[in-house]
N, C-alpha and C. Protein backbone atom coordinates (compact mmCIF):
# COMPACT_ATOMS: atom_id res chain seq x y z
N UNK A 1 -54.57 13.91 -5.95
CA UNK A 1 -54.03 12.72 -5.20
C UNK A 1 -54.18 10.90 -5.81
N UNK A 2 -52.64 10.07 -6.37
CA UNK A 2 -53.03 8.97 -6.84
C UNK A 2 -53.09 7.85 -5.97
N UNK A 3 -53.60 6.93 -6.00
CA UNK A 3 -53.95 5.36 -4.72
C UNK A 3 -52.56 5.28 -4.10
N UNK A 4 -51.26 5.64 -4.68
CA UNK A 4 -50.10 5.39 -3.50
C UNK A 4 -49.67 6.63 -3.12
N UNK A 5 -50.23 7.95 -2.80
CA UNK A 5 -49.76 8.88 -1.98
C UNK A 5 -50.79 9.06 -0.56
N UNK A 6 -50.27 9.22 0.27
CA UNK A 6 -51.03 9.67 1.49
C UNK A 6 -50.92 11.00 1.97
N UNK A 7 -52.01 11.57 2.64
CA UNK A 7 -51.98 12.94 3.57
C UNK A 7 -52.31 12.35 5.09
N UNK A 8 -51.75 12.01 5.90
CA UNK A 8 -52.13 11.43 6.94
C UNK A 8 -52.09 12.54 8.19
N UNK A 9 -52.96 13.12 8.63
CA UNK A 9 -52.31 14.13 9.70
C UNK A 9 -53.25 12.92 11.20
N UNK A 10 -52.20 13.40 12.39
CA UNK A 10 -52.40 12.83 13.67
C UNK A 10 -52.14 14.46 14.25
N UNK A 11 -53.42 14.30 15.40
CA UNK A 11 -52.69 15.27 16.65
C UNK A 11 -52.97 14.98 18.01
N UNK A 12 -52.07 15.02 19.22
CA UNK A 12 -52.09 14.85 20.07
C UNK A 12 -52.04 16.19 21.15
N UNK A 13 -52.33 16.03 21.98
CA UNK A 13 -51.99 17.07 23.02
C UNK A 13 -51.55 16.34 24.29
N UNK A 14 -50.57 16.56 24.70
CA UNK A 14 -49.57 16.24 26.03
C UNK A 14 -49.38 16.99 26.87
N UNK A 15 -49.79 15.96 28.13
CA UNK A 15 -49.61 17.32 29.47
C UNK A 15 -47.97 17.18 29.76
N UNK A 16 -47.19 17.90 29.11
CA UNK A 16 -45.95 18.61 29.03
C UNK A 16 -45.84 19.79 28.20
N UNK A 17 -44.82 20.33 28.59
CA UNK A 17 -44.40 21.50 28.15
C UNK A 17 -43.88 21.86 26.30
N UNK A 18 -43.91 22.36 25.42
CA UNK A 18 -43.88 22.63 24.39
C UNK A 18 -42.10 22.36 24.59
N UNK A 19 -41.28 22.90 25.29
CA UNK A 19 -39.65 22.78 25.58
C UNK A 19 -39.79 21.35 25.62
N UNK A 20 -40.66 20.65 26.56
CA UNK A 20 -40.51 19.18 26.81
C UNK A 20 -40.19 18.28 25.71
N UNK A 21 -41.39 18.80 25.15
CA UNK A 21 -41.71 17.74 24.09
C UNK A 21 -40.46 18.24 22.88
N UNK A 22 -40.66 19.55 22.89
CA UNK A 22 -39.50 19.50 21.63
C UNK A 22 -38.11 18.73 21.77
N UNK A 23 -37.68 18.52 23.36
CA UNK A 23 -36.34 18.13 23.55
C UNK A 23 -36.37 16.70 23.22
N UNK A 24 -37.47 15.85 23.24
CA UNK A 24 -37.84 14.47 23.20
C UNK A 24 -37.72 14.69 21.70
N UNK A 25 -38.59 15.13 20.71
CA UNK A 25 -38.58 14.65 19.52
C UNK A 25 -37.81 15.24 18.52
N UNK A 26 -36.66 16.22 18.90
CA UNK A 26 -35.69 17.02 18.24
C UNK A 26 -34.61 16.19 18.43
N UNK A 27 -34.71 14.85 18.98
CA UNK A 27 -33.58 13.83 19.33
C UNK A 27 -33.89 12.29 19.08
N UNK A 28 -34.13 12.18 17.73
CA UNK A 28 -34.72 11.07 16.44
C UNK A 28 -33.94 9.87 17.27
N UNK A 29 -32.75 9.87 17.48
CA UNK A 29 -31.81 8.78 17.66
C UNK A 29 -32.18 7.93 19.10
N UNK A 30 -33.24 9.02 20.07
CA UNK A 30 -33.31 8.38 21.38
C UNK A 30 -35.08 7.70 21.13
N UNK A 31 -35.99 7.59 20.08
CA UNK A 31 -36.99 7.53 19.87
C UNK A 31 -37.11 5.80 20.08
N UNK A 32 -36.01 5.49 20.14
CA UNK A 32 -36.42 3.67 19.82
C UNK A 32 -36.28 3.17 21.39
N UNK A 33 -36.13 4.44 22.67
CA UNK A 33 -36.35 4.29 24.00
C UNK A 33 -38.03 3.89 24.21
N UNK A 34 -38.50 4.85 23.42
CA UNK A 34 -39.93 5.57 23.93
C UNK A 34 -41.14 4.65 22.67
N UNK A 35 -41.12 4.85 21.85
CA UNK A 35 -41.53 4.51 20.93
C UNK A 35 -41.64 3.14 20.03
N UNK A 36 -42.68 2.27 20.87
CA UNK A 36 -42.31 0.91 20.19
C UNK A 36 -42.36 0.53 19.04
N UNK A 37 -42.57 1.09 18.07
CA UNK A 37 -43.03 1.01 16.57
C UNK A 37 -41.14 1.42 16.04
N UNK A 38 -40.49 2.12 16.48
CA UNK A 38 -39.71 2.60 15.96
C UNK A 38 -38.51 1.75 16.49
N UNK A 39 -37.60 0.55 15.58
CA UNK A 39 -36.93 -0.28 16.04
C UNK A 39 -35.17 0.33 15.33
N UNK A 40 -35.07 1.38 15.11
CA UNK A 40 -34.06 1.52 14.81
C UNK A 40 -33.32 3.28 14.33
N UNK A 41 -32.84 3.90 14.27
CA UNK A 41 -32.26 5.68 14.09
C UNK A 41 -30.70 5.34 14.18
N UNK A 42 -30.39 5.63 12.79
CA UNK A 42 -28.85 5.81 12.24
C UNK A 42 -29.00 7.35 12.05
N UNK A 43 -27.30 8.10 12.56
CA UNK A 43 -27.69 9.34 12.42
C UNK A 43 -26.58 9.05 11.13
N UNK A 44 -26.46 9.37 9.80
CA UNK A 44 -25.71 9.00 8.81
C UNK A 44 -24.80 10.25 8.11
N UNK A 45 -25.97 11.19 8.57
CA UNK A 45 -25.43 13.10 8.44
C UNK A 45 -25.42 14.01 9.03
N UNK A 46 -24.60 14.37 9.78
CA UNK A 46 -24.78 15.95 10.62
C UNK A 46 -25.18 16.64 10.35
N UNK A 47 -25.96 17.41 10.28
CA UNK A 47 -26.75 18.88 9.84
C UNK A 47 -26.07 20.22 10.25
N UNK A 48 -26.79 21.40 10.27
CA UNK A 48 -26.39 22.58 10.79
C UNK A 48 -26.84 22.43 12.28
N UNK A 49 -26.49 23.76 12.87
CA UNK A 49 -26.25 23.86 14.94
C UNK A 49 -27.99 23.66 14.76
N UNK A 50 -29.02 23.80 13.96
CA UNK A 50 -30.46 23.49 14.00
C UNK A 50 -30.93 22.02 13.59
N UNK A 51 -29.58 21.39 13.02
CA UNK A 51 -30.28 20.12 12.26
C UNK A 51 -30.55 19.78 10.95
N UNK A 52 -31.05 21.41 10.19
CA UNK A 52 -31.23 21.19 9.03
C UNK A 52 -29.86 20.31 8.21
N UNK A 53 -30.60 19.47 7.26
CA UNK A 53 -29.28 18.47 6.59
C UNK A 53 -29.06 17.67 6.97
N UNK A 54 -29.27 17.15 8.36
CA UNK A 54 -29.01 16.32 9.07
C UNK A 54 -29.57 14.90 8.11
N UNK A 55 -29.44 13.35 8.03
CA UNK A 55 -30.10 12.37 7.56
C UNK A 55 -29.91 11.59 8.71
N UNK A 56 -31.17 11.01 8.51
CA UNK A 56 -31.00 9.49 9.54
C UNK A 56 -31.73 8.45 8.57
N UNK A 57 -31.44 7.10 9.27
CA UNK A 57 -32.26 5.95 8.58
C UNK A 57 -32.67 5.63 9.64
N UNK A 58 -33.94 5.39 9.65
CA UNK A 58 -34.81 4.66 10.04
C UNK A 58 -35.25 3.50 9.72
N UNK A 59 -35.58 2.61 10.70
CA UNK A 59 -36.45 1.33 10.88
C UNK A 59 -37.82 1.40 11.32
N UNK A 60 -38.84 1.13 10.79
CA UNK A 60 -39.98 1.24 11.73
C UNK A 60 -40.53 -0.10 11.41
N UNK A 61 -41.32 -0.59 12.36
CA UNK A 61 -42.29 -1.96 12.48
C UNK A 61 -43.30 -1.13 12.51
N UNK A 62 -44.27 -1.99 12.05
CA UNK A 62 -45.92 -1.27 11.98
C UNK A 62 -46.63 -2.60 12.21
N UNK A 63 -47.43 -2.64 12.34
CA UNK A 63 -48.86 -3.04 13.23
C UNK A 63 -49.50 -4.00 12.10
N UNK A 64 -48.87 -4.18 11.02
CA UNK A 64 -48.97 -4.94 9.58
C UNK A 64 -47.59 -5.96 9.91
N UNK A 65 -47.73 -7.09 9.21
CA UNK A 65 -46.11 -8.22 9.23
C UNK A 65 -45.39 -7.53 8.12
N UNK A 66 -44.62 -6.27 8.60
CA UNK A 66 -44.20 -5.68 7.72
C UNK A 66 -43.14 -4.28 8.29
N UNK A 67 -41.92 -4.35 7.80
CA UNK A 67 -41.22 -3.10 8.42
C UNK A 67 -40.97 -1.90 7.13
N UNK A 68 -40.61 -0.80 7.67
CA UNK A 68 -40.45 0.38 6.92
C UNK A 68 -39.14 1.04 6.92
N UNK A 69 -38.08 1.04 5.87
CA UNK A 69 -37.00 1.61 6.88
C UNK A 69 -36.82 2.45 4.71
N UNK A 70 -36.28 3.90 5.80
CA UNK A 70 -36.60 5.14 5.16
C UNK A 70 -35.07 5.91 5.81
N UNK A 71 -34.78 7.01 4.63
CA UNK A 71 -33.66 8.37 5.23
C UNK A 71 -34.49 9.20 5.11
N UNK A 72 -34.62 9.80 6.11
CA UNK A 72 -35.15 11.12 6.63
C UNK A 72 -34.50 12.20 6.47
N UNK A 73 -34.15 13.24 5.99
CA UNK A 73 -33.03 14.07 5.94
C UNK A 73 -34.36 15.46 6.23
N UNK A 74 -33.42 16.08 7.17
CA UNK A 74 -34.12 17.46 7.66
C UNK A 74 -34.00 18.44 7.12
N UNK A 75 -34.88 19.42 6.83
CA UNK A 75 -35.00 20.31 5.92
C UNK A 75 -35.43 21.42 6.50
N UNK A 76 -36.06 21.45 7.40
CA UNK A 76 -36.80 23.13 7.99
C UNK A 76 -36.73 22.65 9.86
N UNK A 77 -36.30 23.68 10.41
CA UNK A 77 -36.91 23.47 11.69
C UNK A 77 -37.00 24.96 12.26
N UNK A 78 -37.93 24.83 12.74
CA UNK A 78 -38.33 26.68 13.53
C UNK A 78 -38.18 26.14 15.11
N UNK A 79 -37.24 26.40 15.32
CA UNK A 79 -36.90 26.03 17.31
C UNK A 79 -38.35 26.15 18.15
N UNK A 80 -38.75 24.98 18.57
CA UNK A 80 -39.66 24.85 19.28
C UNK A 80 -41.64 25.20 19.07
N UNK A 81 -41.45 24.92 17.43
CA UNK A 81 -42.42 25.15 16.61
C UNK A 81 -42.67 23.64 15.60
N UNK A 82 -41.87 24.22 14.75
CA UNK A 82 -41.87 22.87 13.71
C UNK A 82 -40.15 22.12 13.35
N UNK A 83 -40.29 20.44 12.94
CA UNK A 83 -39.68 20.14 12.51
C UNK A 83 -40.18 19.49 11.37
N UNK A 84 -39.52 19.59 9.79
CA UNK A 84 -39.79 19.20 8.59
C UNK A 84 -38.69 18.25 8.17
N UNK A 85 -38.75 17.26 7.88
CA UNK A 85 -38.05 16.24 7.18
C UNK A 85 -38.41 15.75 5.73
N UNK A 86 -37.60 15.29 5.01
CA UNK A 86 -38.28 14.64 3.56
C UNK A 86 -37.54 13.29 3.75
N UNK A 87 -38.22 12.31 2.97
CA UNK A 87 -38.03 10.94 3.41
C UNK A 87 -37.72 10.20 2.05
N UNK A 88 -37.02 9.35 1.79
CA UNK A 88 -36.58 9.00 0.28
C UNK A 88 -36.22 7.57 1.00
N UNK A 89 -36.95 6.35 -0.08
CA UNK A 89 -36.68 5.15 0.01
C UNK A 89 -37.88 4.66 0.30
N UNK A 90 -38.27 3.95 0.80
CA UNK A 90 -39.53 2.76 1.18
C UNK A 90 -40.83 3.58 1.01
N UNK A 91 -40.57 4.74 1.47
CA UNK A 91 -41.39 6.05 1.67
C UNK A 91 -41.14 6.78 1.18
N UNK A 92 -41.73 7.79 0.42
CA UNK A 92 -40.99 9.22 -0.30
C UNK A 92 -41.80 10.53 0.20
N UNK A 93 -41.52 11.16 0.27
CA UNK A 93 -42.12 12.37 0.52
C UNK A 93 -41.97 13.39 2.34
N UNK A 94 -42.56 14.04 2.60
CA UNK A 94 -42.61 14.53 3.60
C UNK A 94 -43.25 14.34 4.83
N UNK A 95 -42.50 14.77 6.08
CA UNK A 95 -42.83 14.61 7.92
C UNK A 95 -42.84 15.66 8.59
N UNK A 96 -43.89 16.48 9.16
CA UNK A 96 -43.43 17.46 9.77
C UNK A 96 -44.69 17.59 10.71
N UNK A 97 -44.17 18.09 11.98
CA UNK A 97 -44.08 18.28 13.53
C UNK A 97 -44.44 19.68 13.47
N UNK A 98 -45.52 19.77 13.90
CA UNK A 98 -45.94 21.20 14.78
C UNK A 98 -46.83 20.84 15.79
N UNK A 99 -45.50 22.17 16.48
CA UNK A 99 -46.09 22.23 18.00
C UNK A 99 -46.20 23.57 18.45
N UNK A 100 -47.37 23.60 19.49
CA UNK A 100 -47.43 24.94 19.86
C UNK A 100 -48.65 24.43 21.23
N UNK A 101 -48.50 25.67 22.20
CA UNK A 101 -48.79 25.41 23.84
C UNK A 101 -50.12 25.87 23.55
N UNK A 102 -51.09 24.68 24.63
CA UNK A 102 -52.34 24.72 24.95
C UNK A 102 -52.62 25.12 26.12
N UNK A 103 -52.19 26.39 26.67
CA UNK A 103 -52.26 25.91 28.27
C UNK A 103 -50.57 25.44 28.65
N UNK A 104 -50.42 24.79 29.65
CA UNK A 104 -49.52 24.38 30.23
C UNK A 104 -49.00 23.13 29.59
N UNK A 105 -49.84 22.67 28.30
CA UNK A 105 -49.98 21.33 27.29
C UNK A 105 -49.48 21.81 26.24
N UNK A 106 -49.19 20.86 25.64
CA UNK A 106 -48.35 20.91 24.27
C UNK A 106 -49.36 20.01 23.15
N UNK A 107 -49.86 20.91 22.23
CA UNK A 107 -50.41 20.28 20.82
C UNK A 107 -50.17 20.01 19.87
N UNK A 108 -49.78 18.76 19.58
CA UNK A 108 -48.97 18.49 18.28
C UNK A 108 -49.87 18.03 17.08
N UNK A 109 -49.51 18.32 16.10
CA UNK A 109 -49.67 17.73 14.48
C UNK A 109 -48.79 17.54 14.16
N UNK A 110 -48.74 16.24 13.67
CA UNK A 110 -47.56 15.27 12.55
C UNK A 110 -48.91 15.34 11.66
N UNK A 111 -48.23 15.96 10.45
CA UNK A 111 -48.48 15.80 8.79
C UNK A 111 -47.58 14.58 8.31
N UNK A 112 -47.78 13.63 7.16
CA UNK A 112 -47.01 12.53 6.86
C UNK A 112 -47.60 12.69 5.44
N UNK A 113 -47.01 13.71 4.40
CA UNK A 113 -47.37 13.24 2.99
C UNK A 113 -46.62 12.63 2.39
N UNK A 114 -47.12 11.15 1.67
CA UNK A 114 -45.79 10.45 1.40
C UNK A 114 -46.51 9.44 0.19
N UNK A 115 -45.38 8.75 -0.42
CA UNK A 115 -45.90 7.95 -1.32
C UNK A 115 -45.36 6.91 -1.16
N UNK A 116 -45.89 5.39 -1.26
CA UNK A 116 -45.23 4.44 -1.05
C UNK A 116 -44.56 3.78 -1.84
N UNK A 117 -43.31 3.19 -2.24
CA UNK A 117 -42.48 3.09 -3.26
C UNK A 117 -42.46 0.78 -3.27
N UNK A 118 -42.51 0.45 -2.23
CA UNK A 118 -42.28 -0.67 -2.20
C UNK A 118 -43.16 -1.38 -3.29
N UNK A 119 -42.77 -2.12 -4.54
CA UNK A 119 -43.79 -2.71 -5.43
C UNK A 119 -44.65 -3.04 -5.10
N UNK A 120 -44.72 -4.34 -4.38
CA UNK A 120 -45.83 -4.82 -3.57
C UNK A 120 -47.22 -3.72 -3.31
N UNK A 121 -46.54 -2.67 -2.43
CA UNK A 121 -47.56 -1.62 -2.13
C UNK A 121 -47.79 -0.69 -2.80
N UNK A 122 -47.43 -0.43 -3.93
CA UNK A 122 -47.57 0.23 -5.24
C UNK A 122 -48.43 -0.55 -5.75
N UNK A 123 -48.38 -1.62 -6.13
CA UNK A 123 -49.60 -2.59 -6.80
C UNK A 123 -50.92 -2.93 -5.98
N UNK A 124 -50.63 -2.86 -5.29
CA UNK A 124 -52.19 -2.98 -4.44
C UNK A 124 -52.39 -1.75 -3.40
N UNK A 125 -52.14 -0.80 -3.70
CA UNK A 125 -52.36 0.30 -2.98
C UNK A 125 -54.02 0.91 -3.01
N UNK A 126 -54.41 0.72 -4.21
CA UNK A 126 -55.68 1.17 -4.58
C UNK A 126 -56.63 0.33 -3.63
N UNK A 127 -56.51 -0.93 -3.22
CA UNK A 127 -56.88 -1.88 -2.26
C UNK A 127 -57.39 -1.60 -1.24
N UNK A 128 -55.60 -1.69 -0.55
CA UNK A 128 -55.13 -1.73 0.90
C UNK A 128 -54.89 -0.08 1.21
N UNK A 129 -55.28 0.88 0.85
CA UNK A 129 -55.44 2.15 1.41
C UNK A 129 -55.76 2.43 2.70
N UNK A 130 -56.95 1.85 2.49
CA UNK A 130 -57.76 2.14 4.35
C UNK A 130 -56.93 1.89 5.43
N UNK A 131 -56.32 0.11 4.65
CA UNK A 131 -55.70 -0.69 5.66
C UNK A 131 -53.87 0.30 6.25
N UNK A 132 -53.67 0.96 5.19
CA UNK A 132 -52.33 1.68 5.42
C UNK A 132 -52.59 2.45 5.98
N UNK A 133 -53.98 3.70 6.57
CA UNK A 133 -54.21 4.59 7.09
C UNK A 133 -54.24 3.96 8.39
N UNK A 134 -54.97 2.74 8.78
CA UNK A 134 -55.16 2.11 10.00
C UNK A 134 -53.72 2.01 10.23
N UNK A 135 -53.26 1.42 9.55
CA UNK A 135 -51.78 1.16 10.35
C UNK A 135 -50.92 2.46 10.42
N UNK A 136 -50.88 3.06 9.69
CA UNK A 136 -50.51 4.69 10.13
C UNK A 136 -51.29 4.90 11.76
N UNK A 137 -52.32 4.84 11.82
CA UNK A 137 -52.98 5.95 13.38
C UNK A 137 -52.14 4.65 14.30
N UNK A 138 -52.43 3.01 14.21
CA UNK A 138 -51.83 2.26 15.13
C UNK A 138 -50.50 2.71 15.52
N UNK A 139 -49.20 3.16 14.56
CA UNK A 139 -48.59 3.21 15.07
C UNK A 139 -48.04 4.78 15.40
N UNK A 140 -48.94 5.44 15.32
CA UNK A 140 -48.91 7.24 16.18
C UNK A 140 -49.58 6.79 17.19
N UNK A 141 -50.11 6.27 17.66
CA UNK A 141 -51.16 6.23 19.05
C UNK A 141 -50.02 5.17 19.31
N UNK A 142 -49.17 4.37 19.46
CA UNK A 142 -47.95 4.14 19.94
C UNK A 142 -47.17 4.70 20.52
N UNK A 143 -46.80 6.05 19.48
CA UNK A 143 -46.02 7.17 19.70
C UNK A 143 -46.36 7.95 20.66
N UNK A 144 -47.93 8.21 20.93
CA UNK A 144 -48.19 8.95 21.72
C UNK A 144 -48.44 8.37 23.29
N UNK A 145 -48.86 6.94 23.65
CA UNK A 145 -48.50 6.55 24.36
C UNK A 145 -47.23 6.43 24.95
N UNK A 146 -46.02 5.88 24.17
CA UNK A 146 -44.80 5.73 24.58
C UNK A 146 -44.25 7.20 25.04
N UNK A 147 -44.73 8.25 24.16
CA UNK A 147 -44.12 9.81 24.38
C UNK A 147 -44.91 10.38 25.93
N UNK A 148 -46.15 10.10 26.12
CA UNK A 148 -46.63 10.20 27.60
C UNK A 148 -45.87 9.51 28.78
N UNK A 149 -45.86 8.46 28.24
CA UNK A 149 -45.01 7.88 29.75
C UNK A 149 -43.55 8.20 29.94
N UNK A 150 -42.82 8.45 28.57
CA UNK A 150 -41.51 9.00 28.69
C UNK A 150 -41.07 10.55 29.39
N UNK A 151 -42.50 11.25 28.96
CA UNK A 151 -42.44 12.46 29.37
C UNK A 151 -42.81 12.88 30.95
N UNK A 152 -43.45 11.24 31.70
CA UNK A 152 -43.60 11.08 32.59
C UNK A 152 -42.77 10.91 33.36
N UNK A 153 -41.73 9.84 33.01
CA UNK A 153 -40.45 9.71 33.84
C UNK A 153 -39.71 10.68 33.76
N UNK A 154 -39.35 11.67 33.40
CA UNK A 154 -38.36 12.51 33.13
C UNK A 154 -38.47 14.08 34.14
N UNK A 155 -40.10 13.70 34.54
CA UNK A 155 -40.67 15.01 35.89
C UNK A 155 -40.05 14.42 37.57
């Protein structure tokens, strides 16, 4: 793995059913309503009935003083189990949500396997890699908290 590549893994256990979590994750246009780091999601192209082939432009704020904009194309969907997308733009690679029941709760795993492409990120990635990892963890924790609040409101 080069200094510009990252494989970041996030795992959450949420006190909601897989069906409820799936419904929220499978509608990225609503993410800005509950995930503070997601600033904008625009659907650029519809996919098939499962969502495969859909393309969204996503703008994320981070814990650091910069935003990231990239397009995410849905490439794989296994209902109630997995959503995988291919990112292109300021990040390139794969993002994959995997869901599984854990009793009455939902266990989520997110794999983010990407390369940075912003010139300053590429140039300084060998120094900044631990900071980028910390930043990702902060963004994901904001998402976990927002998801938990959002799901609690829907009950």
